[in-house]
């Protein structure tokens, strides 16, 4: 039984399943946040500065997280290929 679990975990590590799942989840969150910001932008009654501040506050954290994740994903792929 332990051999089967070990082979399964090796399969996950070789295929980088966890890394790819993280990229997909954060990408889904990023799209969801941008759609939410679009929904807020279409509401009447806000000045341009208020709207820009709200959109920046909503989209900055997930965009920074996605940038970090893409960088670490690319660095990890380069490390695996170098071995």
Protein backbone atom coordinates (compact mmCIF):
# COMPACT_ATOMS: atom_id res chain seq x y z
CA UNK A 1 0.00 0.00 0.00
CA UNK A 2 2.79 2.43 0.89
CA UNK A 3 4.51 1.71 -2.41
CA UNK A 4 1.32 2.68 -4.24
CA UNK A 5 1.06 5.95 -2.29
CA UNK A 6 4.72 6.71 -2.98
CA UNK A 7 4.29 6.08 -6.69
CA UNK A 8 1.20 8.32 -6.73
CA UNK A 9 3.07 11.14 -4.99
CA UNK A 10 6.00 10.74 -7.40
CA UNK A 11 3.53 10.97 -10.29
CA UNK A 12 2.13 14.23 -8.87
CA UNK A 13 5.63 15.65 -8.35
CA UNK A 14 6.88 14.75 -11.83
CA UNK A 15 3.84 16.25 -13.54
CA UNK A 16 3.85 19.35 -11.27
CA UNK A 17 0.14 18.93 -10.59
CA UNK A 18 0.11 21.17 -7.51
CA UNK A 19 1.86 24.03 -9.32
CA UNK A 20 -0.49 23.84 -12.26
CA UNK A 21 -3.53 23.69 -9.97
CA UNK A 22 -2.32 26.82 -8.16
CA UNK A 23 -1.93 28.69 -11.45
CA UNK A 24 -5.44 27.69 -12.55
CA UNK A 25 -7.03 28.66 -9.21
CA UNK A 26 -5.32 32.06 -9.09
CA UNK A 27 -6.16 32.67 -12.75
CA UNK A 28 -9.82 31.89 -11.99
CA UNK A 29 -9.70 34.32 -9.05
CA UNK A 30 -8.10 36.97 -11.25
CA UNK A 31 -10.82 36.69 -13.88
CA UNK A 32 -13.51 36.77 -11.20
CA UNK A 33 -12.07 39.94 -9.65
CA UNK A 34 -11.84 41.67 -13.02
CA UNK A 35 -15.45 40.77 -13.81
CA UNK A 36 -16.50 42.12 -10.41
CA UNK A 37 -14.57 45.35 -11.06
CA UNK A 38 -16.29 45.63 -14.43
CA UNK A 39 -19.65 45.21 -12.74
CA UNK A 40 -18.82 48.02 -10.30
CA UNK A 41 -17.53 50.24 -13.13
CA UNK A 42 -20.87 50.01 -14.91
CA UNK A 43 -22.78 51.40 -11.91
CA UNK A 44 -23.83 55.04 -12.29
CA UNK A 45 -23.17 57.75 -9.74
CA UNK A 46 -19.44 57.48 -9.10
CA UNK A 47 -16.84 60.02 -10.07
CA UNK A 48 -13.85 58.95 -12.12
CA UNK A 49 -11.43 59.18 -9.21
CA UNK A 50 -13.63 57.07 -6.93
CA UNK A 51 -14.05 54.49 -9.64
CA UNK A 52 -10.32 54.34 -10.36
CA UNK A 53 -9.52 53.94 -6.66
CA UNK A 54 -12.02 51.10 -6.25
CA UNK A 55 -10.83 49.25 -9.35
CA UNK A 56 -7.17 49.66 -8.31
CA UNK A 57 -7.93 48.40 -4.81
CA UNK A 58 -9.76 45.37 -6.19
CA UNK A 59 -7.37 44.35 -8.95
CA UNK A 60 -3.93 45.11 -7.48
CA UNK A 61 -3.60 42.20 -5.01
CA UNK A 62 -4.67 39.39 -7.37
CA UNK A 63 -2.57 40.83 -10.18
CA UNK A 64 0.52 40.92 -7.94
CA UNK A 65 -0.20 37.36 -6.75
CA UNK A 66 -0.53 36.12 -10.31
CA UNK A 67 2.73 37.81 -11.29
CA UNK A 68 4.55 36.17 -8.39
CA UNK A 69 3.00 32.80 -9.19
CA UNK A 70 3.96 32.98 -12.87
CA UNK A 71 7.52 33.93 -11.90
CA UNK A 72 7.85 31.08 -9.42
CA UNK A 73 6.22 28.67 -11.88
CA UNK A 74 8.71 29.62 -14.59
CA UNK A 75 11.66 29.42 -12.20
CA UNK A 76 10.51 25.99 -11.07
CA UNK A 77 10.25 24.76 -14.64
CA UNK A 78 13.76 26.01 -15.36
CA UNK A 79 15.09 24.22 -12.25
CA UNK A 80 13.49 20.93 -13.32
CA UNK A 81 14.84 21.22 -16.86
CA UNK A 82 18.35 22.04 -15.62
CA UNK A 83 18.61 18.75 -13.72
